[in-house]
């Protein structure tokens, strides 16, 4: 079993007055047991007005990837999105909270299981 490879959101850039980061591959799994949801990818969301999440996977079953937010510093989390479960699915959300994390789950099949998760973010211009 391989470990889930994670990355930070990415460098903030500005183009035509829009401040953005990504799209960034924030999670990459290959033959990784995700039967217990992985919630290790968390980041500050203060000032982020829009997040776009997309998943691409092959052979995993029971896939459920969603964004969650915390208003109490990371003790309690609630779902910002319903779980994405079809490859290529994406969702846009306004986090409206100081802390956001990903919940990534999937059951290994008998085939070559792969999953990537991408995030794109826009924040308020300063």
Protein backbone atom coordinates (compact mmCIF):
# COMPACT_ATOMS: atom_id res chain seq x y z
CA UNK A 1 0.00 0.00 0.00
CA UNK A 2 1.25 3.45 -0.88
CA UNK A 3 0.65 6.52 1.23
CA UNK A 4 -1.54 9.39 0.09
CA UNK A 5 0.71 12.13 -1.31
CA UNK A 6 -0.51 15.60 -0.36
CA UNK A 7 0.47 19.13 -1.35
CA UNK A 8 -0.35 22.66 -0.22
CA UNK A 9 -2.84 24.82 -2.07
CA UNK A 10 -0.16 26.54 -4.17
CA UNK A 11 1.23 30.00 -4.76
CA UNK A 12 -1.14 32.95 -4.95
CA UNK A 13 -1.05 34.78 -8.29
CA UNK A 14 -2.87 37.78 -9.73
CA UNK A 15 -4.21 38.13 -13.27
CA UNK A 16 -6.67 40.76 -14.55
CA UNK A 17 -7.45 41.74 -10.96
CA UNK A 18 -8.25 38.18 -9.84
CA UNK A 19 -6.13 36.71 -7.03
CA UNK A 20 -6.05 32.91 -7.36
CA UNK A 21 -4.16 29.74 -6.52
CA UNK A 22 -4.18 26.64 -8.67
CA UNK A 23 -5.55 24.52 -9.97
CA UNK A 24 -3.25 22.49 -7.72
CA UNK A 25 -3.05 18.72 -7.34
CA UNK A 26 -3.47 18.55 -3.55
CA UNK A 27 -3.86 14.76 -3.26
CA UNK A 28 -2.52 11.85 -5.26
CA UNK A 29 -3.25 8.22 -4.38
CA UNK A 30 -2.08 5.05 -6.07
CA UNK A 31 -3.12 1.74 -4.52
CA UNK A 32 -3.71 3.63 -1.25
CA UNK A 33 -6.19 2.31 1.30
CA UNK A 34 -8.72 5.11 1.80
CA UNK A 35 -11.42 2.97 3.41
CA UNK A 36 -11.10 5.27 6.43
CA UNK A 37 -11.49 8.85 5.17
CA UNK A 38 -8.24 10.83 5.04
CA UNK A 39 -8.72 14.32 6.48
CA UNK A 40 -5.07 15.37 6.64
CA UNK A 41 -5.34 18.14 4.02
CA UNK A 42 -6.47 21.27 5.88
CA UNK A 43 -5.76 24.95 5.29
CA UNK A 44 -6.73 28.47 6.31
CA UNK A 45 -9.62 29.85 4.28
CA UNK A 46 -9.80 33.42 5.59
CA UNK A 47 -10.43 35.72 2.64
CA UNK A 48 -11.08 32.87 0.19
CA UNK A 49 -14.32 33.65 -1.61
CA UNK A 50 -14.41 30.61 -3.92
CA UNK A 51 -13.04 27.08 -3.89
CA UNK A 52 -13.41 24.60 -6.74
CA UNK A 53 -12.82 20.91 -6.05
CA UNK A 54 -12.43 18.22 -8.72
CA UNK A 55 -11.69 14.49 -8.42
CA UNK A 56 -10.34 12.12 -11.04
CA UNK A 57 -10.04 8.43 -10.22
CA UNK A 58 -9.88 4.95 -11.71
CA UNK A 59 -11.01 1.63 -10.20
CA UNK A 60 -11.68 2.85 -6.64
CA UNK A 61 -15.21 2.04 -5.46
CA UNK A 62 -17.28 3.82 -2.85
CA UNK A 63 -15.51 7.12 -3.54
CA UNK A 64 -16.62 10.06 -1.37
CA UNK A 65 -14.62 13.29 -1.51
CA UNK A 66 -15.97 16.43 0.14
CA UNK A 67 -14.95 19.78 1.57
CA UNK A 68 -15.56 20.49 5.26
CA UNK A 69 -15.17 23.66 7.33
CA UNK A 70 -14.53 24.47 10.95
CA UNK A 71 -15.52 27.62 12.78
CA UNK A 72 -13.98 26.58 16.12
CA UNK A 73 -10.35 26.18 15.07
CA UNK A 74 -10.52 22.57 13.91
CA UNK A 75 -12.31 20.77 16.74
CA UNK A 76 -15.66 20.35 14.96
CA UNK A 77 -16.14 20.00 11.19
CA UNK A 78 -19.27 20.26 9.06
CA UNK A 79 -19.72 19.38 5.38
CA UNK A 80 -19.56 22.26 2.90
CA UNK A 81 -20.38 19.99 -0.04
CA UNK A 82 -22.08 16.71 -0.64
CA UNK A 83 -19.60 13.95 -1.43
CA UNK A 84 -18.33 13.75 -5.00
CA UNK A 85 -18.40 10.14 -6.18
CA UNK A 86 -18.03 10.16 -9.99
CA UNK A 87 -14.71 10.68 -11.75
CA UNK A 88 -14.45 14.14 -13.26
CA UNK A 89 -16.99 15.60 -10.83
CA UNK A 90 -16.35 19.12 -9.59
CA UNK A 91 -18.05 21.53 -7.23
CA UNK A 92 -17.73 25.26 -6.43
CA UNK A 93 -18.24 26.54 -2.91
CA UNK A 94 -17.79 29.68 -0.84
CA UNK A 95 -16.10 28.44 2.36
CA UNK A 96 -17.29 31.30 4.62
CA UNK A 97 -15.13 30.09 7.47
CA UNK A 98 -11.57 30.32 8.76
CA UNK A 99 -10.55 26.66 8.31
CA UNK A 100 -11.25 24.12 5.52
CA UNK A 101 -10.23 20.50 5.02
CA UNK A 102 -10.77 17.69 2.53
CA UNK A 103 -12.29 14.34 3.41
CA UNK A 104 -11.11 11.73 0.90
CA UNK A 105 -12.45 8.16 0.95
CA UNK A 106 -12.44 5.23 -1.45
CA UNK A 107 -12.32 1.44 -1.34
CA UNK A 108 -9.58 -0.42 -3.18
CA UNK A 109 -10.63 -2.70 -6.02
CA UNK A 110 -8.75 -5.57 -7.64
CA UNK A 111 -7.40 -3.23 -10.35
CA UNK A 112 -4.85 -0.45 -10.46
CA UNK A 113 -6.48 2.16 -8.22
CA UNK A 114 -5.57 5.82 -8.72
CA UNK A 115 -7.11 9.05 -7.48
CA UNK A 116 -6.15 12.71 -7.81
CA UNK A 117 -7.83 15.68 -6.18
CA UNK A 118 -7.47 19.22 -7.51
CA UNK A 119 -8.31 22.54 -5.84
CA UNK A 120 -8.63 26.01 -7.30
CA UNK A 121 -9.13 29.05 -5.04
CA UNK A 122 -9.91 32.74 -5.46
CA UNK A 123 -9.61 35.29 -2.70
CA UNK A 124 -10.44 38.90 -2.10
CA UNK A 125 -8.03 41.30 -3.81
CA UNK A 126 -6.06 43.54 -1.50
